[in-house]
Amino acid sequence: MGLDGVVQCNCWRDHTASTPPTGWDDIYCDTDGWISSRRIDQAWQESDSHDVFRKRFGMLEDAIEEWRAHGCTHEDMEYCSEWISNWAGVAHFRSLIAQMGGTDRFQTLAQMFPDGNGGIFPARMASSALSDLDIFDAEYPLQ
């Protein structure tokens, strides 16, 4: 298992994708950055079991998954995606950042990697992250 970086396209947000099965008002970006359905999320919360959920909402969930996968010209509504590292590599990188000064020197890099699945890294922080990477790279160049 590892860490991937994904940039979603704006087709769903701009309504240039095909209309989702549950309508535009149902679709949103959740706290982990995934395009989600309010109706499906609520059904999951209200269901007693996975079997009950799938029996009642499985076809709708599958239709939404199909829409996410093929609703626009970008596969899975991803503008781009890149494998970052496995979790051991992330832990090693974190330890290097800590050894080199942690948040005092690398305000963005020291805080940007998630501890598990999900999470969002806002585009507005990219410039700061790149500045941190320049400093890191100057002192710890890749071999």
N, C-alpha and C. Protein backbone atom coordinates (compact mmCIF):
# COMPACT_ATOMS: atom_id res chain seq x y z
N MET A 1 0.85 -1.17 0.00
CA MET A 1 0.00 0.00 0.00
C MET A 1 0.89 1.23 0.00
N GLY A 2 0.35 2.30 -0.55
CA GLY A 2 1.16 3.48 -0.64
C GLY A 2 0.36 4.75 -0.75
N LEU A 3 1.07 5.79 -1.06
CA LEU A 3 0.50 7.12 -1.14
C LEU A 3 0.53 7.59 -2.59
N ASP A 4 -0.61 8.03 -3.08
CA ASP A 4 -0.73 8.56 -4.43
C ASP A 4 -1.17 10.01 -4.35
N GLY A 5 -0.72 10.80 -5.29
CA GLY A 5 -1.21 12.17 -5.43
C GLY A 5 -2.16 12.22 -6.62
N VAL A 6 -3.34 12.80 -6.42
CA VAL A 6 -4.36 12.87 -7.46
C VAL A 6 -4.86 14.29 -7.58
N VAL A 7 -4.97 14.76 -8.81
CA VAL A 7 -5.59 16.05 -9.09
C VAL A 7 -6.87 15.75 -9.85
N GLN A 8 -8.00 16.08 -9.25
CA GLN A 8 -9.28 15.84 -9.92
C GLN A 8 -9.51 16.88 -10.99
N CYS A 9 -10.23 16.45 -12.02
CA CYS A 9 -10.63 17.42 -13.03
C CYS A 9 -11.77 18.27 -12.45
N ASN A 10 -12.12 19.31 -13.14
CA ASN A 10 -13.21 20.19 -12.70
C ASN A 10 -14.51 19.91 -13.43
N CYS A 11 -14.56 18.86 -14.22
CA CYS A 11 -15.75 18.59 -15.04
C CYS A 11 -17.01 18.42 -14.21
N TRP A 12 -16.90 17.72 -13.08
CA TRP A 12 -18.09 17.53 -12.23
C TRP A 12 -18.50 18.86 -11.61
N ARG A 13 -17.52 19.65 -11.16
CA ARG A 13 -17.81 20.93 -10.51
C ARG A 13 -18.42 21.92 -11.49
N ASP A 14 -17.89 21.93 -12.72
CA ASP A 14 -18.35 22.88 -13.74
C ASP A 14 -19.55 22.37 -14.53
N HIS A 15 -20.02 21.17 -14.19
CA HIS A 15 -21.16 20.53 -14.86
C HIS A 15 -20.92 20.33 -16.35
N THR A 16 -19.65 20.10 -16.73
CA THR A 16 -19.35 19.77 -18.12
C THR A 16 -19.30 18.26 -18.31
N ALA A 17 -19.33 17.51 -17.22
CA ALA A 17 -19.45 16.05 -17.29
C ALA A 17 -20.90 15.70 -17.60
N SER A 18 -21.15 14.46 -17.93
CA SER A 18 -22.53 14.03 -18.12
C SER A 18 -23.27 14.17 -16.79
N THR A 19 -24.58 14.28 -16.85
CA THR A 19 -25.38 14.46 -15.63
C THR A 19 -25.29 13.20 -14.77
N PRO A 20 -24.97 13.35 -13.49
CA PRO A 20 -24.88 12.18 -12.61
C PRO A 20 -26.25 11.54 -12.41
N PRO A 21 -26.28 10.25 -12.11
CA PRO A 21 -27.55 9.52 -11.95
C PRO A 21 -28.48 10.11 -10.90
N THR A 22 -27.93 10.78 -9.90
CA THR A 22 -28.74 11.34 -8.83
C THR A 22 -28.94 12.85 -8.97
N GLY A 23 -28.44 13.43 -10.04
CA GLY A 23 -28.57 14.87 -10.27
C GLY A 23 -27.42 15.65 -9.67
N TRP A 24 -27.23 16.86 -10.17
CA TRP A 24 -26.09 17.68 -9.75
C TRP A 24 -26.16 18.09 -8.28
N ASP A 25 -27.34 18.33 -7.74
CA ASP A 25 -27.45 18.79 -6.35
C ASP A 25 -26.98 17.73 -5.35
N ASP A 26 -26.92 16.47 -5.78
CA ASP A 26 -26.53 15.38 -4.90
C ASP A 26 -25.01 15.22 -4.82
N ILE A 27 -24.29 15.71 -5.79
CA ILE A 27 -22.85 15.45 -5.90
C ILE A 27 -22.05 16.54 -5.17
N TYR A 28 -21.03 16.10 -4.44
CA TYR A 28 -20.18 17.04 -3.70
C TYR A 28 -18.79 16.43 -3.54
N CYS A 29 -17.84 17.24 -3.09
CA CYS A 29 -16.50 16.77 -2.79
C CYS A 29 -16.41 16.57 -1.28
N ASP A 30 -16.13 15.34 -0.84
CA ASP A 30 -16.12 15.07 0.60
C ASP A 30 -14.81 15.55 1.24
N THR A 31 -14.67 15.35 2.53
CA THR A 31 -13.52 15.86 3.27
C THR A 31 -12.21 15.20 2.87
N ASP A 32 -12.27 14.05 2.22
CA ASP A 32 -11.06 13.39 1.74
C ASP A 32 -10.76 13.73 0.28
N GLY A 33 -11.59 14.59 -0.31
CA GLY A 33 -11.34 15.02 -1.68
C GLY A 33 -11.97 14.16 -2.75
N TRP A 34 -12.84 13.24 -2.38
CA TRP A 34 -13.48 12.35 -3.36
C TRP A 34 -14.84 12.90 -3.77
N ILE A 35 -15.16 12.71 -5.02
CA ILE A 35 -16.47 13.09 -5.54
C ILE A 35 -17.47 12.09 -5.00
N SER A 36 -18.46 12.57 -4.28
CA SER A 36 -19.37 11.70 -3.54
C SER A 36 -20.82 12.07 -3.77
N SER A 37 -21.70 11.17 -3.32
CA SER A 37 -23.14 11.36 -3.41
C SER A 37 -23.72 11.50 -2.01
N ARG A 38 -24.42 12.59 -1.78
CA ARG A 38 -25.06 12.78 -0.47
C ARG A 38 -26.07 11.65 -0.19
N ARG A 39 -26.81 11.28 -1.23
CA ARG A 39 -27.84 10.24 -1.07
C ARG A 39 -27.21 8.90 -0.68
N ILE A 40 -26.13 8.53 -1.34
CA ILE A 40 -25.45 7.27 -1.03
C ILE A 40 -24.82 7.34 0.36
N ASP A 41 -24.17 8.46 0.68
CA ASP A 41 -23.57 8.61 2.01
C ASP A 41 -24.61 8.48 3.11
N GLN A 42 -25.76 9.10 2.93
CA GLN A 42 -26.82 9.01 3.93
C GLN A 42 -27.34 7.58 4.04
N ALA A 43 -27.49 6.92 2.90
CA ALA A 43 -27.96 5.53 2.91
C ALA A 43 -26.99 4.62 3.65
N TRP A 44 -25.69 4.83 3.47
CA TRP A 44 -24.68 4.05 4.21
C TRP A 44 -24.84 4.26 5.71
N GLN A 45 -25.04 5.50 6.11
CA GLN A 45 -25.18 5.81 7.55
C GLN A 45 -26.44 5.18 8.14
N GLU A 46 -27.49 5.08 7.35
CA GLU A 46 -28.76 4.58 7.86
C GLU A 46 -28.92 3.07 7.72
N SER A 47 -28.04 2.42 7.00
CA SER A 47 -28.16 0.97 6.77
C SER A 47 -27.61 0.19 7.95
N ASP A 48 -28.27 -0.91 8.24
CA ASP A 48 -27.85 -1.78 9.34
C ASP A 48 -26.67 -2.67 8.94
N SER A 49 -26.55 -2.96 7.67
CA SER A 49 -25.49 -3.85 7.21
C SER A 49 -25.16 -3.56 5.75
N HIS A 50 -24.02 -4.07 5.34
CA HIS A 50 -23.61 -3.92 3.94
C HIS A 50 -24.62 -4.61 3.03
N ASP A 51 -25.10 -5.79 3.44
CA ASP A 51 -26.06 -6.53 2.60
C ASP A 51 -27.36 -5.75 2.40
N VAL A 52 -27.85 -5.14 3.48
CA VAL A 52 -29.08 -4.34 3.37
C VAL A 52 -28.84 -3.15 2.45
N PHE A 53 -27.71 -2.48 2.64
CA PHE A 53 -27.39 -1.34 1.79
C PHE A 53 -27.33 -1.76 0.32
N ARG A 54 -26.59 -2.82 0.02
CA ARG A 54 -26.43 -3.25 -1.37
C ARG A 54 -27.77 -3.67 -1.98
N LYS A 55 -28.62 -4.30 -1.18
CA LYS A 55 -29.92 -4.72 -1.71
C LYS A 55 -30.77 -3.51 -2.09
N ARG A 56 -30.73 -2.47 -1.26
CA ARG A 56 -31.58 -1.30 -1.50
C ARG A 56 -30.94 -0.27 -2.42
N PHE A 57 -29.62 -0.09 -2.33
CA PHE A 57 -28.96 1.01 -3.04
C PHE A 57 -27.82 0.57 -3.95
N GLY A 58 -27.60 -0.73 -4.07
CA GLY A 58 -26.46 -1.23 -4.84
C GLY A 58 -26.46 -0.77 -6.29
N MET A 59 -27.60 -0.83 -6.94
CA MET A 59 -27.67 -0.43 -8.35
C MET A 59 -27.38 1.07 -8.50
N LEU A 60 -27.88 1.86 -7.59
CA LEU A 60 -27.63 3.30 -7.64
C LEU A 60 -26.15 3.59 -7.36
N GLU A 61 -25.59 2.93 -6.37
CA GLU A 61 -24.17 3.12 -6.07
C GLU A 61 -23.32 2.73 -7.28
N ASP A 62 -23.65 1.62 -7.93
CA ASP A 62 -22.92 1.19 -9.12
C ASP A 62 -23.04 2.21 -10.24
N ALA A 63 -24.22 2.79 -10.40
CA ALA A 63 -24.43 3.80 -11.44
C ALA A 63 -23.59 5.04 -11.17
N ILE A 64 -23.49 5.43 -9.92
CA ILE A 64 -22.67 6.59 -9.57
C ILE A 64 -21.20 6.28 -9.79
N GLU A 65 -20.76 5.08 -9.42
CA GLU A 65 -19.37 4.67 -9.67
C GLU A 65 -19.07 4.68 -11.17
N GLU A 66 -19.98 4.19 -11.96
CA GLU A 66 -19.81 4.19 -13.42
C GLU A 66 -19.73 5.62 -13.94
N TRP A 67 -20.56 6.50 -13.41
CA TRP A 67 -20.53 7.92 -13.82
C TRP A 67 -19.18 8.53 -13.45
N ARG A 68 -18.68 8.28 -12.24
CA ARG A 68 -17.37 8.81 -11.84
C ARG A 68 -16.27 8.30 -12.76
N ALA A 69 -16.36 7.05 -13.15
CA ALA A 69 -15.33 6.44 -13.98
C ALA A 69 -15.35 6.96 -15.42
N HIS A 70 -16.56 7.23 -15.94
CA HIS A 70 -16.67 7.55 -17.37
C HIS A 70 -17.56 8.75 -17.68
N GLY A 71 -17.81 9.60 -16.70
CA GLY A 71 -18.73 10.73 -16.90
C GLY A 71 -18.14 11.90 -17.64
N CYS A 72 -16.84 11.88 -17.87
CA CYS A 72 -16.19 12.95 -18.64
C CYS A 72 -15.00 12.35 -19.39
N THR A 73 -14.24 13.19 -20.03
CA THR A 73 -13.12 12.69 -20.83
C THR A 73 -11.93 12.24 -19.98
N HIS A 74 -11.93 12.54 -18.69
CA HIS A 74 -10.84 12.15 -17.79
C HIS A 74 -11.20 10.85 -17.08
N GLU A 75 -10.35 9.85 -17.21
CA GLU A 75 -10.62 8.58 -16.54
C GLU A 75 -10.73 8.79 -15.04
N ASP A 76 -11.80 8.31 -14.45
CA ASP A 76 -12.08 8.44 -13.02
C ASP A 76 -12.12 9.90 -12.56
N MET A 77 -12.39 10.81 -13.49
CA MET A 77 -12.45 12.25 -13.21
C MET A 77 -11.15 12.74 -12.56
N GLU A 78 -10.05 12.15 -12.98
CA GLU A 78 -8.73 12.54 -12.51
C GLU A 78 -7.98 13.23 -13.64
N TYR A 79 -7.56 14.46 -13.39
CA TYR A 79 -6.77 15.20 -14.37
C TYR A 79 -5.39 14.55 -14.50
N CYS A 80 -4.82 14.17 -13.34
CA CYS A 80 -3.58 13.41 -13.32
C CYS A 80 -3.46 12.71 -11.97
N SER A 81 -2.65 11.69 -11.93
CA SER A 81 -2.36 11.02 -10.67
C SER A 81 -0.93 10.50 -10.73
N GLU A 82 -0.32 10.43 -9.57
CA GLU A 82 1.08 10.01 -9.50
C GLU A 82 1.31 9.23 -8.22
N TRP A 83 1.99 8.09 -8.33
CA TRP A 83 2.38 7.33 -7.16
C TRP A 83 3.48 8.10 -6.46
N ILE A 84 3.36 8.30 -5.15
CA ILE A 84 4.35 9.05 -4.38
C ILE A 84 5.38 8.11 -3.75
N SER A 85 4.88 7.18 -2.96
CA SER A 85 5.78 6.25 -2.26
C SER A 85 4.93 5.20 -1.54
N ASN A 86 5.62 4.19 -1.02
CA ASN A 86 4.93 3.28 -0.11
C ASN A 86 4.99 3.91 1.28
N TRP A 87 4.29 3.33 2.25
CA TRP A 87 4.21 3.95 3.58
C TRP A 87 5.56 3.95 4.29
N ALA A 88 6.40 2.97 4.00
CA ALA A 88 7.75 2.98 4.60
C ALA A 88 8.55 4.17 4.08
N GLY A 89 8.41 4.47 2.80
CA GLY A 89 9.08 5.63 2.23
C GLY A 89 8.58 6.94 2.82
N VAL A 90 7.26 7.02 3.04
CA VAL A 90 6.68 8.22 3.66
C VAL A 90 7.23 8.39 5.08
N ALA A 91 7.30 7.29 5.83
CA ALA A 91 7.84 7.36 7.20
C ALA A 91 9.30 7.79 7.18
N HIS A 92 10.06 7.28 6.23
CA HIS A 92 11.48 7.66 6.12
C HIS A 92 11.60 9.15 5.79
N PHE A 93 10.79 9.63 4.87
CA PHE A 93 10.82 11.04 4.50
C PHE A 93 10.47 11.92 5.70
N ARG A 94 9.44 11.52 6.43
CA ARG A 94 9.07 12.26 7.65
C ARG A 94 10.22 12.32 8.65
N SER A 95 10.92 11.21 8.82
CA SER A 95 12.03 11.19 9.78
C SER A 95 13.16 12.09 9.30
N LEU A 96 13.42 12.14 8.00
CA LEU A 96 14.44 13.05 7.48
C LEU A 96 14.06 14.51 7.71
N ILE A 97 12.79 14.83 7.47
CA ILE A 97 12.31 16.19 7.70
C ILE A 97 12.48 16.56 9.18
N ALA A 98 12.15 15.64 10.07
CA ALA A 98 12.29 15.89 11.50
C ALA A 98 13.76 16.11 11.88
N GLN A 99 14.66 15.29 11.33
CA GLN A 99 16.09 15.42 11.62
C GLN A 99 16.65 16.74 11.10
N MET A 100 16.07 17.26 10.03
CA MET A 100 16.58 18.48 9.40
C MET A 100 15.92 19.75 9.93
N GLY A 101 15.11 19.63 10.98
CA GLY A 101 14.53 20.83 11.59
C GLY A 101 13.03 20.82 11.72
N GLY A 102 12.37 19.82 11.18
CA GLY A 102 10.92 19.68 11.33
C GLY A 102 10.14 20.90 10.88
N THR A 103 9.11 21.24 11.64
CA THR A 103 8.21 22.34 11.25
C THR A 103 8.89 23.71 11.33
N ASP A 104 9.97 23.83 12.09
CA ASP A 104 10.68 25.11 12.15
C ASP A 104 11.28 25.47 10.79
N ARG A 105 11.76 24.46 10.06
CA ARG A 105 12.38 24.71 8.75
C ARG A 105 11.46 24.37 7.60
N PHE A 106 10.60 23.40 7.76
CA PHE A 106 9.77 22.91 6.67
C PHE A 106 8.30 22.97 7.09
N GLN A 107 7.76 24.18 7.14
CA GLN A 107 6.41 24.37 7.66
C GLN A 107 5.36 23.59 6.88
N THR A 108 5.53 23.46 5.60
CA THR A 108 4.54 22.74 4.78
C THR A 108 4.85 21.25 4.72
N LEU A 109 6.08 20.89 4.35
CA LEU A 109 6.44 19.48 4.20
C LEU A 109 6.25 18.68 5.48
N ALA A 110 6.52 19.29 6.61
CA ALA A 110 6.41 18.57 7.88
C ALA A 110 4.97 18.20 8.22
N GLN A 111 4.02 18.84 7.56
CA GLN A 111 2.61 18.62 7.89
C GLN A 111 1.78 18.07 6.74
N MET A 112 2.34 17.92 5.56
CA MET A 112 1.50 17.67 4.39
C MET A 112 1.11 16.21 4.16
N PHE A 113 1.86 15.26 4.66
CA PHE A 113 1.55 13.87 4.36
C PHE A 113 0.54 13.30 5.34
N PRO A 114 -0.48 12.61 4.84
CA PRO A 114 -1.49 12.02 5.73
C PRO A 114 -0.92 10.82 6.47
N ASP A 115 -1.61 10.44 7.54
CA ASP A 115 -1.22 9.26 8.32
C ASP A 115 -1.94 8.01 7.84
N GLY A 116 -2.91 8.16 6.95
CA GLY A 116 -3.67 7.03 6.45
C GLY A 116 -4.37 7.41 5.17
N ASN A 117 -5.33 6.62 4.79
CA ASN A 117 -6.07 6.87 3.57
C ASN A 117 -6.81 8.19 3.63
N GLY A 118 -6.92 8.82 2.48
CA GLY A 118 -7.68 10.06 2.38
C GLY A 118 -6.83 11.28 2.63
N GLY A 119 -7.51 12.40 2.64
CA GLY A 119 -6.84 13.66 2.89
C GLY A 119 -6.74 14.51 1.64
N ILE A 120 -6.59 15.78 1.87
CA ILE A 120 -6.51 16.76 0.79
C ILE A 120 -5.29 17.65 1.03
N PHE A 121 -4.57 17.93 -0.02
CA PHE A 121 -3.50 18.92 0.03
C PHE A 121 -3.93 20.06 -0.87
N PRO A 122 -4.33 21.18 -0.30
CA PRO A 122 -4.87 22.29 -1.10
C PRO A 122 -3.84 22.88 -2.07
N ALA A 123 -4.28 23.22 -3.26
CA ALA A 123 -3.41 23.79 -4.28
C ALA A 123 -2.74 25.08 -3.78
N ARG A 124 -3.41 25.83 -2.91
CA ARG A 124 -2.84 27.09 -2.42
C ARG A 124 -1.56 26.87 -1.62
N MET A 125 -1.29 25.64 -1.19
CA MET A 125 -0.09 25.34 -0.43
C MET A 125 1.06 24.84 -1.31
N ALA A 126 0.82 24.69 -2.61
CA ALA A 126 1.82 24.11 -3.51
C ALA A 126 3.10 24.93 -3.56
N SER A 127 2.99 26.25 -3.64
CA SER A 127 4.17 27.10 -3.73
C SER A 127 5.05 26.94 -2.49
N SER A 128 4.44 26.90 -1.32
CA SER A 128 5.18 26.72 -0.07
C SER A 128 5.84 25.34 -0.03
N ALA A 129 5.12 24.32 -0.48
CA ALA A 129 5.67 22.96 -0.50
C ALA A 129 6.88 22.88 -1.45
N LEU A 130 6.78 23.53 -2.60
CA LEU A 130 7.90 23.53 -3.54
C LEU A 130 9.12 24.26 -2.97
N SER A 131 8.89 25.34 -2.25
CA SER A 131 10.00 26.05 -1.59
C SER A 131 10.67 25.15 -0.56
N ASP A 132 9.87 24.45 0.23
CA ASP A 132 10.41 23.50 1.20
C ASP A 132 11.21 22.40 0.50
N LEU A 133 10.68 21.90 -0.61
CA LEU A 133 11.38 20.84 -1.35
C LEU A 133 12.71 21.33 -1.91
N ASP A 134 12.77 22.58 -2.35
CA ASP A 134 14.03 23.14 -2.83
C ASP A 134 15.08 23.13 -1.73
N ILE A 135 14.69 23.54 -0.53
CA ILE A 135 15.61 23.54 0.61
C ILE A 135 16.03 22.11 0.95
N PHE A 136 15.06 21.22 1.01
CA PHE A 136 15.34 19.81 1.31
C PHE A 136 16.30 19.23 0.29
N ASP A 137 16.01 19.45 -0.99
CA ASP A 137 16.82 18.89 -2.06
C ASP A 137 18.24 19.42 -2.05
N ALA A 138 18.42 20.70 -1.70
CA ALA A 138 19.75 21.28 -1.63
C ALA A 138 20.60 20.62 -0.55
N GLU A 139 19.98 20.19 0.54
CA GLU A 139 20.71 19.59 1.65
C GLU A 139 20.72 18.06 1.63
N TYR A 140 19.76 17.48 0.94
CA TYR A 140 19.65 16.02 0.89
C TYR A 140 19.30 15.61 -0.53
N PRO A 141 20.22 15.79 -1.47
CA PRO A 141 19.91 15.46 -2.87
C PRO A 141 19.68 13.97 -3.05
N LEU A 142 18.76 13.62 -3.93
CA LEU A 142 18.50 12.22 -4.23
C LEU A 142 19.71 11.62 -4.91
N GLN A 143 20.02 10.43 -4.57
CA GLN A 143 21.18 9.73 -5.12
C GLN A 143 20.87 9.15 -6.48
